[in-house]
Amino acid sequence: MTSYRTEPSIAKGNSANSTTAYANTPALDSARQQAVFVPGGGSTPHFTHEINCLLRRRLRVAGLIGLFGFSVYLIRAFILASNGMAPPAIGLALHSVVVAVLIGAACLLWSHVALDMAALRWIEVGMFGAMAAFFAYLHFAVFYHEHVLDTVASDEGKVILFAAVNLGNCLRWFILIVLYGTFIPNTWRRCATIVGGMALTPVALSIYIGFQCPILGAYVWHGMFEMVVTLAIASTIAIFGSYKIGELQQQAFAARKLGQYVLSRRLGAGGMGEVYLGEHTMLRRACAIKLIRPDQAGDPTTLSRFEREVQAMANLTHWNTVEVYDYGIAEDGTFYYVMEYLPGLSLQELVERHGPLSPSRAVYILRQVCAALKEAHSIGLIHRDIKPSNVILCERGGVHDVAKLLDFGLVQGIGFQSDTDKLTLQGTILGSPPYMSPEQALSKGEIDFRTDIYSLGGLAYFLLTGQPPFERETAMEMLMAHVHDRPTAPREIRPELSPDLEALILRCLAKKPDERFPNIHRVDRALAECAAADWDSERAREWWQESESEAKELTPA
């Protein structure tokens, strides 16, 4: 399992660190003003213009299909009337009205006349209301009079009976054709080929019966017209449905693309955006993609911090720092960068699942975090958000227990001269309360590398005890605890810990920066000199193998 989940960092006086915050940009304000409830569209808000265009396009297609079917049958009715087989006058009149309504609707829908949502809804009611009214008349007319039963024994009755049975057969094919076209993903050309074959099958069978059966042959041709028209309408619906479904799938696929990358599923979210599992479309390489949507990117501070994170990580090449592959801006304004995909567990998940680590393993992991910080500090970068969920433990190149430091979203540089480079303002608190240094908790404008040493001490405390240095009910109480309270000595929670390791952790957690280790190199050296510094990659490999075996045994067959 891979985790890019982060504990929510806080930003007092700055909403950029909240994944639910929305920036108030002019573009968004304009979009919000256009957001209304679509009449008849339920309770979900839609953007009116988009729904208006969609409804007009769909009414055009539905109107053409209906106009084709009703027009063909109306022409046939007039032909029958000219041959002395006139249908009821009221039926012919209603049929003509329906065709007139559909023609009028088509003229409006295909014209350049601007139609608002209310007008389109009235056209919708007129089209489908007229067709429904005519079908209701036919339904009533067929069963109201006893003429059908009186003529069953006659030749006319046989024609009517055969036509009814034939329509029943057509209905089966109609359902099959429409079901295939709307449920099976296809290109419209392939769909047309298959449903065309389906539609031609009953027509070919009827023709064969017409020529081969001396009894039914005389009646088959009376139902051929209805069959051809019905199956033609079914094929049109199926092909159009297949085409639209394919189009929507392509749009959904395009919506999940960022440049040359395709998003798969969300891995996690934090104060600086969301992280998705993705894949390069050409290389087929799995990667993790961190992004900020346009509604979040509207805040210049957020964008600056995001760009600073990318630039910082791109300059870091150490084995224990997550590698950045790419950075870009999508067509919809989404900012993103691409980093290596790390199949493993965060230290937060590791401790939650397996309990506190052995001292030797904790030292082994902490030294790797120190190695990553050495490089960052050497080029003037302070991480400022070191915590268990920001370190992934994974296997890389056949080596187990490789620690990867990630999420440089709160990185700050030392020695920048421009005020625009200072992303942390006086009075703003950035970081994660359980592992925040006292100077960060007090929102001091100037902090140095020793704030990372304090957070590293908090990380060590968690790995060895299973809990952060302070546990309080609120974030503010936790911040004040970092400033004023002394943490419980680790050996009071785990007596088997060595005194030298406890002393190291407590020195890292000193309230005053001057009382901590002066730099990360000294922390690494002190860890190396601890009595517990005997873990290696071979022991790590054995631990992971045993863990996987236990997981398999616990998994039900």
Protein backbone atom coordinates (compact mmCIF):
# COMPACT_ATOMS: atom_id res chain seq x y z
CA MET A 1 0.00 0.00 0.00
CA THR A 2 1.19 3.49 -0.76
CA SER A 3 0.37 6.53 1.30
CA TYR A 4 0.69 10.17 0.41
CA ARG A 5 -1.82 11.12 3.11
CA THR A 6 -0.75 13.99 5.27
CA GLU A 7 -2.05 15.24 8.55
CA PRO A 8 -3.72 18.59 8.12
CA SER A 9 -1.24 21.39 8.52
CA ILE A 10 -2.60 24.60 9.96
CA ALA A 11 -2.33 28.11 8.65
CA LYS A 12 -3.49 30.71 11.12
CA GLY A 13 -4.64 33.73 9.21
CA ASN A 14 -4.12 32.03 5.84
CA SER A 15 -6.65 29.72 4.18
CA ALA A 16 -4.25 28.53 1.51
CA ASN A 17 -3.32 25.52 3.58
CA SER A 18 -6.84 24.13 3.68
CA THR A 19 -7.93 21.74 0.98
CA THR A 20 -11.50 22.95 1.35
CA ALA A 21 -10.71 26.62 0.95
CA TYR A 22 -11.64 28.38 -2.28
CA ALA A 23 -9.88 31.45 -3.54
CA ASN A 24 -12.08 34.44 -4.33
CA THR A 25 -10.90 35.32 -7.82
CA PRO A 26 -12.87 37.47 -10.31
CA ALA A 27 -13.26 34.48 -12.62
CA LEU A 28 -14.75 32.36 -9.86
CA ASP A 29 -17.03 35.18 -8.73
CA SER A 30 -18.32 35.46 -12.29
CA ALA A 31 -18.88 31.70 -12.47
CA ARG A 32 -20.72 31.70 -9.16
CA GLN A 33 -23.02 34.46 -10.38
CA GLN A 34 -23.97 32.30 -13.37
CA ALA A 35 -24.65 29.22 -11.24
CA VAL A 36 -28.41 28.73 -10.96
CA PHE A 37 -30.83 25.86 -10.48
CA VAL A 38 -31.94 24.49 -13.82
CA PRO A 39 -35.73 24.35 -14.12
CA GLY A 40 -36.84 20.75 -13.99
CA GLY A 41 -33.28 19.63 -13.36
CA GLY A 42 -33.74 18.55 -9.75
CA SER A 43 -31.92 20.06 -6.85
CA THR A 44 -28.39 19.87 -8.23
CA PRO A 45 -26.96 23.21 -9.36
CA HIS A 46 -25.74 23.36 -12.96
CA PHE A 47 -24.28 26.03 -15.10
CA THR A 48 -27.23 27.23 -17.20
CA HIS A 49 -25.39 27.92 -20.43
CA GLU A 50 -23.84 24.45 -20.59
CA ILE A 51 -27.14 22.69 -19.87
CA ASN A 52 -28.93 24.96 -22.33
CA CYS A 53 -26.58 23.93 -25.15
CA LEU A 54 -26.80 20.26 -24.22
CA LEU A 55 -30.62 20.30 -24.07
CA ARG A 56 -30.85 22.04 -27.44
CA ARG A 57 -28.55 19.49 -29.10
CA ARG A 58 -30.47 16.56 -27.65
CA LEU A 59 -33.85 18.02 -28.64
CA ARG A 60 -32.57 18.42 -32.19
CA VAL A 61 -31.64 14.76 -32.44
CA ALA A 62 -34.79 13.48 -30.69
CA GLY A 63 -36.94 15.75 -32.86
CA LEU A 64 -35.37 14.47 -36.08
CA ILE A 65 -35.87 10.84 -35.07
CA GLY A 66 -39.50 11.50 -34.13
CA LEU A 67 -40.13 13.57 -37.27
CA PHE A 68 -38.75 10.79 -39.47
CA GLY A 69 -40.97 8.11 -37.93
CA PHE A 70 -44.17 10.16 -37.82
CA SER A 71 -43.64 11.58 -41.32
CA VAL A 72 -43.10 8.17 -42.87
CA TYR A 73 -46.26 6.81 -41.25
CA LEU A 74 -48.26 9.92 -42.22
CA ILE A 75 -47.21 9.55 -45.87
CA ARG A 76 -48.22 5.91 -45.70
CA ALA A 77 -51.62 6.89 -44.24
CA PHE A 78 -52.29 9.27 -47.13
CA ILE A 79 -51.25 6.60 -49.64
CA LEU A 80 -53.67 4.13 -48.04
CA ALA A 81 -56.39 6.80 -48.11
CA SER A 82 -55.88 7.29 -51.82
CA ASN A 83 -56.37 3.53 -52.30
CA GLY A 84 -59.70 3.52 -50.48
CA MET A 85 -58.37 2.41 -47.09
CA ALA A 86 -58.70 5.75 -45.31
CA PRO A 87 -57.90 5.77 -41.56
CA PRO A 88 -60.27 7.58 -39.16
CA ALA A 89 -60.35 11.31 -39.83
CA ILE A 90 -59.58 12.22 -36.24
CA GLY A 91 -56.55 9.95 -36.25
CA LEU A 92 -55.27 11.45 -39.50
CA ALA A 93 -55.80 14.97 -38.14
CA LEU A 94 -53.96 14.23 -34.89
CA HIS A 95 -51.16 12.59 -36.83
CA SER A 96 -50.83 15.71 -39.01
CA VAL A 97 -50.74 17.95 -35.94
CA VAL A 98 -47.89 15.93 -34.43
CA VAL A 99 -45.85 16.21 -37.62
CA ALA A 100 -46.56 19.96 -37.76
CA VAL A 101 -45.41 20.38 -34.14
CA LEU A 102 -42.21 18.45 -34.84
CA ILE A 103 -41.49 20.49 -37.96
CA GLY A 104 -42.03 23.74 -36.07
CA ALA A 105 -39.80 22.58 -33.23
CA ALA A 106 -37.08 21.53 -35.69
CA CYS A 107 -37.19 24.94 -37.40
CA LEU A 108 -36.72 26.69 -34.05
CA LEU A 109 -34.04 24.33 -32.76
CA TRP A 110 -31.96 24.39 -35.94
CA SER A 111 -32.31 28.14 -36.46
CA HIS A 112 -30.01 30.84 -35.11
CA VAL A 113 -32.70 32.12 -32.80
CA ALA A 114 -31.46 32.39 -29.21
CA LEU A 115 -33.56 30.17 -26.96
CA ASP A 116 -33.33 30.42 -23.19
CA MET A 117 -33.93 27.49 -20.84
CA ALA A 118 -37.62 28.28 -20.40
CA ALA A 119 -38.19 28.29 -24.18
CA LEU A 120 -36.36 24.98 -24.59
CA ARG A 121 -38.44 23.41 -21.83
CA TRP A 122 -41.63 24.53 -23.58
CA ILE A 123 -40.39 23.04 -26.87
CA GLU A 124 -39.57 19.83 -25.00
CA VAL A 125 -43.10 19.68 -23.55
CA GLY A 126 -44.65 20.42 -26.94
CA MET A 127 -42.69 17.74 -28.81
CA PHE A 128 -43.04 14.89 -26.36
CA GLY A 129 -46.54 15.95 -25.29
CA ALA A 130 -47.80 15.83 -28.90
CA MET A 131 -46.25 12.40 -29.53
CA ALA A 132 -47.58 11.05 -26.22
CA ALA A 133 -51.06 12.37 -26.98
CA PHE A 134 -51.14 10.62 -30.36
CA PHE A 135 -49.94 7.35 -28.84
CA ALA A 136 -52.66 7.66 -26.19
CA TYR A 137 -55.26 8.11 -28.94
CA LEU A 138 -54.02 4.99 -30.77
CA HIS A 139 -54.05 3.00 -27.55
CA PHE A 140 -57.63 4.04 -26.87
CA ALA A 141 -58.86 3.61 -30.45
CA VAL A 142 -57.54 0.06 -30.78
CA PHE A 143 -59.37 -1.26 -27.72
CA TYR A 144 -62.45 0.97 -27.53
CA HIS A 145 -64.36 -0.50 -30.46
CA GLU A 146 -65.02 -4.18 -31.00
CA HIS A 147 -64.06 -3.92 -34.66
CA VAL A 148 -60.81 -5.79 -34.05
CA LEU A 149 -62.59 -8.83 -32.60
CA ASP A 150 -65.27 -8.77 -35.28
CA THR A 151 -62.73 -8.98 -38.07
CA VAL A 152 -60.43 -11.65 -36.63
CA ALA A 153 -61.91 -14.40 -38.83
CA SER A 154 -61.81 -12.30 -41.99
CA ASP A 155 -58.85 -11.63 -44.24
CA GLU A 156 -58.64 -8.12 -42.81
CA GLY A 157 -58.53 -9.60 -39.32
CA LYS A 158 -55.72 -11.93 -40.33
CA VAL A 159 -53.76 -8.97 -41.61
CA ILE A 160 -54.34 -7.10 -38.35
CA LEU A 161 -53.39 -10.16 -36.28
CA PHE A 162 -50.24 -10.75 -38.30
CA ALA A 163 -49.26 -7.10 -38.02
CA ALA A 164 -49.70 -7.25 -34.23
CA VAL A 165 -47.57 -10.38 -33.91
CA ASN A 166 -44.98 -8.86 -36.23
CA LEU A 167 -44.78 -5.73 -34.07
CA GLY A 168 -44.23 -7.96 -31.04
CA ASN A 169 -41.27 -9.54 -32.81
CA CYS A 170 -40.00 -6.09 -33.77
CA LEU A 171 -40.21 -4.99 -30.13
CA ARG A 172 -37.85 -7.81 -29.11
CA TRP A 173 -35.31 -6.78 -31.73
CA PHE A 174 -35.83 -3.11 -30.82
CA ILE A 175 -34.92 -3.81 -27.18
CA LEU A 176 -31.88 -5.90 -28.17
CA ILE A 177 -30.54 -3.28 -30.58
CA VAL A 178 -31.00 -0.33 -28.21
CA LEU A 179 -29.60 -2.32 -25.27
CA TYR A 180 -26.45 -3.18 -27.22
CA GLY A 181 -25.91 0.35 -28.51
CA THR A 182 -26.32 2.08 -25.15
CA PHE A 183 -24.60 -0.40 -22.82
CA ILE A 184 -21.68 -1.82 -24.84
CA PRO A 185 -18.73 0.57 -25.38
CA ASN A 186 -17.89 0.74 -29.08
CA THR A 187 -16.94 3.08 -31.84
CA TRP A 188 -20.04 4.25 -33.69
CA ARG A 189 -18.85 2.50 -36.86
CA ARG A 190 -18.50 -0.87 -35.15
CA CYS A 191 -21.85 -0.35 -33.44
CA ALA A 192 -23.46 0.48 -36.80
CA THR A 193 -22.07 -2.72 -38.31
CA ILE A 194 -23.35 -4.93 -35.51
CA VAL A 195 -26.78 -3.36 -35.01
CA GLY A 196 -27.16 -3.21 -38.79
CA GLY A 197 -26.72 -6.97 -38.87
CA MET A 198 -29.22 -7.34 -36.04
CA ALA A 199 -31.78 -5.16 -37.84
CA LEU A 200 -31.37 -6.96 -41.18
CA THR A 201 -31.86 -10.42 -39.62
CA PRO A 202 -35.65 -10.16 -38.96
CA VAL A 203 -36.17 -8.36 -42.29
CA ALA A 204 -34.34 -11.15 -44.14
CA LEU A 205 -36.33 -13.83 -42.27
CA SER A 206 -39.62 -12.13 -43.13
CA ILE A 207 -38.67 -11.90 -46.79
CA TYR A 208 -37.69 -15.57 -46.79
CA ILE A 209 -41.04 -16.52 -45.24
CA GLY A 210 -42.85 -14.34 -47.77
CA PHE A 211 -41.39 -16.29 -50.64
CA GLN A 212 -41.31 -19.77 -49.11
CA CYS A 213 -44.50 -20.09 -47.04
CA PRO A 214 -47.68 -20.34 -49.18
CA ILE A 215 -49.99 -19.60 -46.23
CA LEU A 216 -48.25 -16.70 -44.46
CA GLY A 217 -46.52 -15.33 -47.54
CA ALA A 218 -49.52 -13.25 -48.55
CA TYR A 219 -49.61 -11.49 -45.16
CA VAL A 220 -45.90 -10.93 -44.53
CA TRP A 221 -45.66 -7.91 -46.81
CA HIS A 222 -48.35 -6.06 -44.85
CA GLY A 223 -46.09 -5.94 -41.78
CA MET A 224 -42.85 -5.25 -43.63
CA PHE A 225 -43.26 -1.47 -43.56
CA GLU A 226 -43.73 -1.28 -39.79
CA MET A 227 -40.80 -3.63 -39.27
CA VAL A 228 -38.37 -1.65 -41.42
CA VAL A 229 -39.32 1.71 -39.87
CA THR A 230 -39.22 0.37 -36.30
CA LEU A 231 -35.84 -1.29 -36.74
CA ALA A 232 -34.45 1.77 -38.50
CA ILE A 233 -35.41 3.95 -35.54
CA ALA A 234 -33.91 1.41 -33.12
CA SER A 235 -30.64 1.36 -35.08
CA THR A 236 -30.49 5.16 -35.15
CA ILE A 237 -30.98 5.37 -31.38
CA ALA A 238 -28.35 2.68 -30.76
CA ILE A 239 -25.74 4.24 -33.05
CA PHE A 240 -26.31 7.72 -31.66
CA GLY A 241 -26.18 6.40 -28.10
CA SER A 242 -22.94 4.55 -28.80
CA TYR A 243 -21.44 7.65 -30.37
CA LYS A 244 -22.39 9.89 -27.44
CA ILE A 245 -21.18 7.39 -24.85
CA GLY A 246 -17.85 7.12 -26.67
CA GLU A 247 -17.60 10.89 -26.83
CA LEU A 248 -18.29 11.20 -23.10
CA GLN A 249 -15.67 8.54 -22.36
CA GLN A 250 -13.10 10.47 -24.36
CA GLN A 251 -14.02 13.66 -22.54
CA ALA A 252 -13.73 11.90 -19.18
CA PHE A 253 -10.36 10.48 -20.22
CA ALA A 254 -9.19 13.92 -21.35
CA ALA A 255 -10.42 15.41 -18.06
CA ARG A 256 -8.16 12.98 -16.20
CA LYS A 257 -5.12 13.93 -18.27
CA LEU A 258 -2.51 16.42 -17.21
CA GLY A 259 -0.14 17.00 -20.08
CA GLN A 260 1.39 13.61 -20.86
CA TYR A 261 0.03 12.05 -17.66
CA VAL A 262 -3.22 10.25 -16.91
CA LEU A 263 -4.69 10.34 -13.41
CA SER A 264 -5.85 7.06 -11.92
CA ARG A 265 -6.96 7.35 -8.28
CA ARG A 266 -6.43 9.73 -5.40
CA LEU A 267 -3.69 8.68 -3.01
CA GLY A 268 -4.22 11.41 -0.45
CA ALA A 269 -4.66 15.08 0.30
CA GLY A 270 -2.89 17.61 2.44
CA GLY A 271 -2.59 21.30 3.08
CA MET A 272 -1.05 22.00 -0.32
CA GLY A 273 -3.42 20.06 -2.60
CA GLU A 274 -4.15 16.51 -3.65
CA VAL A 275 -1.95 13.61 -4.74
CA TYR A 276 -3.03 11.14 -7.42
CA LEU A 277 -1.59 7.93 -8.78
CA GLY A 278 -0.82 8.57 -12.44
CA GLU A 279 0.97 7.18 -15.45
CA HIS A 280 3.03 8.68 -18.25
CA THR A 281 1.13 7.97 -21.46
CA MET A 282 4.29 7.14 -23.44
CA LEU A 283 6.64 5.61 -20.87
CA ARG A 284 3.87 3.72 -19.01
CA ARG A 285 5.67 4.60 -15.78
CA ALA A 286 3.67 4.89 -12.59
CA CYS A 287 4.10 8.18 -10.78
CA ALA A 288 2.54 10.31 -8.07
CA ILE A 289 1.04 13.60 -9.24
CA LYS A 290 0.47 16.44 -6.82
CA LEU A 291 -1.86 19.16 -8.02
CA ILE A 292 -3.69 22.31 -7.07
CA ARG A 293 -7.00 22.95 -8.82
CA PRO A 294 -7.71 26.38 -10.36
CA ASP A 295 -10.03 27.31 -7.48
CA GLN A 296 -7.14 26.78 -5.05
CA ALA A 297 -4.49 28.19 -7.38
CA GLY A 298 -6.18 31.58 -7.44
CA ASP A 299 -4.37 32.56 -4.23
CA PRO A 300 -0.93 33.99 -5.16
CA THR A 301 0.50 32.82 -1.83
CA THR A 302 -0.59 29.26 -2.51
CA LEU A 303 0.89 29.35 -5.99
CA SER A 304 4.16 30.79 -4.75
CA ARG A 305 4.40 28.13 -2.07
CA PHE A 306 3.57 25.40 -4.57
CA GLU A 307 6.17 26.63 -7.04
CA ARG A 308 8.70 26.94 -4.22
CA GLU A 309 8.01 23.31 -3.31
CA VAL A 310 8.62 22.17 -6.89
CA GLN A 311 11.81 24.19 -7.25
CA ALA A 312 13.12 23.00 -3.90
CA MET A 313 12.48 19.34 -4.61
CA ALA A 314 13.84 19.60 -8.16
CA ASN A 315 17.17 20.79 -6.73
CA LEU A 316 17.37 17.89 -4.29
CA THR A 317 18.94 14.73 -5.66
CA HIS A 318 19.61 12.67 -2.55
CA TRP A 319 18.47 9.05 -2.48
CA ASN A 320 16.30 9.74 0.58
CA THR A 321 14.38 12.65 -0.97
CA VAL A 322 11.45 11.94 -3.26
CA GLU A 323 12.45 12.55 -6.89
CA VAL A 324 10.59 15.10 -9.02
CA TYR A 325 10.11 14.24 -12.71
CA ASP A 326 8.08 17.07 -14.16
CA TYR A 327 6.05 20.22 -13.52
CA GLY A 328 3.37 21.96 -15.55
CA ILE A 329 0.06 23.74 -15.87
CA ALA A 330 -2.92 21.96 -17.46
CA GLU A 331 -5.30 23.59 -19.93
CA ASP A 332 -7.88 24.18 -17.19
CA GLY A 333 -5.33 26.02 -15.06
CA THR A 334 -4.47 23.11 -12.74
CA PHE A 335 -0.92 23.36 -11.39
CA TYR A 336 0.83 20.04 -10.91
CA TYR A 337 4.15 18.35 -10.48
CA VAL A 338 5.09 14.71 -10.98
CA MET A 339 7.21 12.72 -8.55
CA GLU A 340 8.24 9.12 -8.16
CA TYR A 341 5.59 6.66 -7.00
CA LEU A 342 6.61 5.07 -3.72
CA PRO A 343 4.90 1.73 -2.98
CA GLY A 344 5.25 1.44 0.75
CA LEU A 345 4.00 2.81 4.05
CA SER A 346 4.32 6.18 5.70
CA LEU A 347 5.92 6.10 9.15
CA GLN A 348 2.52 7.13 10.51
CA GLU A 349 0.91 4.03 9.00
CA LEU A 350 3.82 1.80 9.97
CA VAL A 351 3.53 2.67 13.66
CA GLU A 352 -0.28 2.56 13.63
CA ARG A 353 -0.24 -0.95 12.14
CA HIS A 354 2.78 -2.52 13.83
CA GLY A 355 3.34 -0.45 16.95
CA PRO A 356 6.46 1.50 18.01
CA LEU A 357 9.68 0.56 16.22
CA SER A 358 12.67 -1.13 17.73
CA PRO A 359 15.39 1.37 18.72
CA SER A 360 17.80 0.03 16.10
CA ARG A 361 15.26 0.35 13.29
CA ALA A 362 14.23 3.83 14.41
CA VAL A 363 17.86 4.96 14.38
CA TYR A 364 18.35 3.47 10.92
CA ILE A 365 15.35 5.39 9.55
CA LEU A 366 16.18 8.64 11.35
CA ARG A 367 19.69 8.66 9.90
CA GLN A 368 18.20 8.48 6.41
CA VAL A 369 15.97 11.47 7.18
CA CYS A 370 19.07 13.26 8.42
CA ALA A 371 20.82 12.46 5.13
CA ALA A 372 17.97 14.04 3.17
CA LEU A 373 18.00 17.12 5.42
CA LYS A 374 21.76 17.49 5.09
CA GLU A 375 21.40 18.16 1.38
CA ALA A 376 18.42 20.47 1.87
CA HIS A 377 20.14 22.46 4.59
CA SER A 378 23.36 22.65 2.57
CA ILE A 379 21.59 24.64 -0.13
CA GLY A 380 19.73 26.83 2.36
CA LEU A 381 16.34 25.06 2.52
CA ILE A 382 14.39 24.42 5.72
CA HIS A 383 11.65 21.78 5.47
CA ARG A 384 9.49 23.02 8.40
CA ASP A 385 6.96 20.16 8.21
CA ILE A 386 8.79 16.99 9.22
CA LYS A 387 6.28 14.47 10.57
CA PRO A 388 5.56 10.72 10.29
CA SER A 389 3.17 11.05 7.36
CA ASN A 390 5.80 12.96 5.35
CA VAL A 391 8.28 10.08 5.37
CA ILE A 392 7.54 7.03 3.21
CA LEU A 393 9.25 3.73 3.99
CA CYS A 394 9.59 1.67 0.82
CA GLU A 395 11.73 -0.70 -1.22
CA ARG A 396 13.90 0.80 -3.95
CA GLY A 397 16.40 -1.04 -6.11
CA GLY A 398 16.09 -4.19 -4.04
CA VAL A 399 16.89 -2.32 -0.82
CA HIS A 400 14.29 -2.37 1.96
CA ASP A 401 13.46 0.26 4.57
CA VAL A 402 14.44 3.13 2.29
CA ALA A 403 13.12 6.33 3.86
CA LYS A 404 11.89 9.01 1.47
CA LEU A 405 11.29 12.55 2.71
CA LEU A 406 8.54 14.37 0.83
CA ASP A 407 6.15 17.32 0.96
CA PHE A 408 8.33 20.42 0.85
CA GLY A 409 5.21 22.60 0.66
CA LEU A 410 6.29 24.73 3.64
CA VAL A 411 9.94 24.96 2.63
CA GLN A 412 11.70 28.24 3.43
CA GLY A 413 15.01 29.47 2.11
CA ILE A 414 17.72 31.14 4.16
CA GLY A 415 19.34 34.23 2.75
CA PHE A 416 16.69 35.40 0.29
CA GLN A 417 16.81 39.14 -0.17
CA SER A 418 13.52 39.86 -1.93
CA ASP A 419 10.42 40.34 0.19
CA THR A 420 8.46 38.40 -2.43
CA ASP A 421 10.52 35.33 -1.60
CA LYS A 422 9.38 35.36 2.02
CA LEU A 423 6.22 33.30 1.95
CA THR A 424 5.76 33.19 5.71
CA LEU A 425 4.42 36.42 7.14
CA GLN A 426 4.61 37.64 10.70
CA GLY A 427 1.52 36.39 12.54
CA THR A 428 1.11 33.30 10.35
CA ILE A 429 1.54 29.79 11.73
CA LEU A 430 2.46 27.09 9.21
CA GLY A 431 3.15 23.46 10.00
CA SER A 432 1.73 20.46 11.87
CA PRO A 433 0.97 21.07 15.57
CA PRO A 434 2.14 17.67 16.92
CA TYR A 435 5.69 18.20 15.60
CA MET A 436 6.05 21.98 15.40
CA SER A 437 9.00 23.75 17.02
CA PRO A 438 8.34 26.39 19.68
CA GLU A 439 9.59 29.16 17.39
CA GLN A 440 7.15 28.05 14.69
CA ALA A 441 4.35 27.83 17.25
CA LEU A 442 5.09 31.42 18.29
CA SER A 443 5.01 32.46 14.63
CA LYS A 444 8.42 34.04 14.74
CA GLY A 445 9.41 35.52 11.42
CA GLU A 446 13.01 34.28 11.50
CA ILE A 447 13.69 30.59 12.05
CA ASP A 448 16.70 28.50 11.09
CA PHE A 449 17.66 24.89 10.43
CA ARG A 450 17.26 23.98 14.09
CA THR A 451 13.47 24.03 13.69
CA ASP A 452 13.85 20.89 11.57
CA ILE A 453 15.98 19.34 14.32
CA TYR A 454 13.14 19.88 16.81
CA SER A 455 10.62 18.27 14.42
CA LEU A 456 13.05 15.39 13.85
CA GLY A 457 13.13 14.88 17.61
CA GLY A 458 9.32 14.76 17.60
CA LEU A 459 9.46 12.19 14.81
CA ALA A 460 11.94 10.07 16.79
CA TYR A 461 9.71 10.32 19.87
CA PHE A 462 6.74 9.03 17.85
CA LEU A 463 8.65 6.15 16.27
CA LEU A 464 9.85 4.89 19.65
CA THR A 465 6.78 5.55 21.82
CA GLY A 466 3.88 5.45 19.35
CA GLN A 467 2.74 8.95 20.29
CA PRO A 468 3.84 12.55 19.62
CA PRO A 469 5.69 14.48 22.34
CA PHE A 470 2.47 16.21 23.43
CA GLU A 471 -1.15 15.12 23.20
CA ARG A 472 -3.69 17.85 23.85
CA GLU A 473 -7.36 18.34 23.00
CA THR A 474 -6.91 21.35 20.71
CA ALA A 475 -4.26 22.51 18.28
CA MET A 476 -3.68 25.71 20.26
CA GLU A 477 -3.10 23.77 23.49
CA MET A 478 -0.63 21.58 21.64
CA LEU A 479 1.23 24.63 20.32
CA MET A 480 1.45 26.08 23.80
CA ALA A 481 2.73 22.75 25.10
CA HIS A 482 5.61 22.94 22.63
CA VAL A 483 6.42 26.41 23.96
CA HIS A 484 6.10 25.79 27.74
CA ASP A 485 5.80 22.09 28.68
CA ARG A 486 8.43 19.40 29.00
CA PRO A 487 7.64 16.11 27.22
CA THR A 488 7.42 12.88 29.15
CA ALA A 489 10.81 11.16 29.05
CA PRO A 490 10.73 8.37 26.41
CA ARG A 491 12.10 5.81 28.90
CA GLU A 492 9.08 6.35 31.13
CA ILE A 493 6.99 4.99 28.25
CA ARG A 494 9.54 2.39 27.03
CA PRO A 495 11.99 1.51 29.82
CA GLU A 496 14.12 -0.62 27.50
CA LEU A 497 15.32 2.42 25.56
CA SER A 498 18.99 3.25 26.05
CA PRO A 499 19.90 6.44 27.95
CA ASP A 500 21.97 7.80 25.06
CA LEU A 501 19.01 7.56 22.64
CA GLU A 502 16.68 9.21 25.15
CA ALA A 503 19.19 12.02 25.75
CA LEU A 504 19.49 12.57 22.00
CA ILE A 505 15.72 12.91 21.57
CA LEU A 506 15.32 15.27 24.51
CA ARG A 507 18.17 17.46 23.26
CA CYS A 508 16.46 17.73 19.86
CA LEU A 509 13.26 18.73 21.68
CA ALA A 510 14.86 21.51 23.68
CA LYS A 511 12.72 24.64 23.84
CA LYS A 512 15.54 27.02 22.94
CA PRO A 513 17.25 26.47 19.58
CA ASP A 514 20.69 27.10 21.17
CA GLU A 515 20.16 24.09 23.46
CA ARG A 516 19.60 21.71 20.54
CA PHE A 517 22.20 20.20 18.25
CA PRO A 518 23.77 23.01 16.22
CA ASN A 519 23.17 21.26 12.87
CA ILE A 520 21.82 18.11 11.32
CA HIS A 521 25.32 16.66 10.86
CA ARG A 522 25.76 16.54 14.63
CA VAL A 523 22.40 14.81 14.99
CA ASP A 524 23.41 12.17 12.47
CA ARG A 525 26.74 11.61 14.21
CA ALA A 526 25.01 11.22 17.58
CA LEU A 527 22.59 8.68 16.08
CA ALA A 528 25.49 6.72 14.61
CA GLU A 529 27.15 6.59 18.06
CA CYS A 530 24.04 5.21 19.77
CA ALA A 531 24.29 1.66 21.11
CA ALA A 532 21.20 0.71 19.09
CA ALA A 533 22.67 1.64 15.70
CA ASP A 534 22.90 -1.92 14.39
CA TRP A 535 19.95 -2.21 11.95
CA ASP A 536 20.74 -2.77 8.27
CA SER A 537 19.01 -3.49 4.93
CA GLU A 538 19.26 -7.27 5.44
CA ARG A 539 17.32 -7.11 8.72
CA ALA A 540 14.86 -4.80 6.99
CA ARG A 541 14.35 -7.35 4.19
CA GLU A 542 13.69 -10.10 6.72
CA TRP A 543 11.18 -7.92 8.58
CA TRP A 544 9.22 -7.16 5.42
CA GLN A 545 9.17 -10.81 4.38
CA GLU A 546 7.85 -11.83 7.81
CA SER A 547 5.27 -9.06 7.69
CA GLU A 548 4.05 -10.18 4.28
CA SER A 549 3.84 -13.80 5.46
CA GLU A 550 1.77 -12.80 8.49
CA ALA A 551 -0.54 -10.74 6.29
CA LYS A 552 -1.12 -13.74 4.00
CA GLU A 553 -1.89 -15.99 6.96
CA LEU A 554 -4.43 -13.50 8.29
CA THR A 555 -6.09 -13.09 4.89
CA PRO A 556 -9.17 -15.37 4.64
CA ALA A 557 -9.07 -17.90 1.81
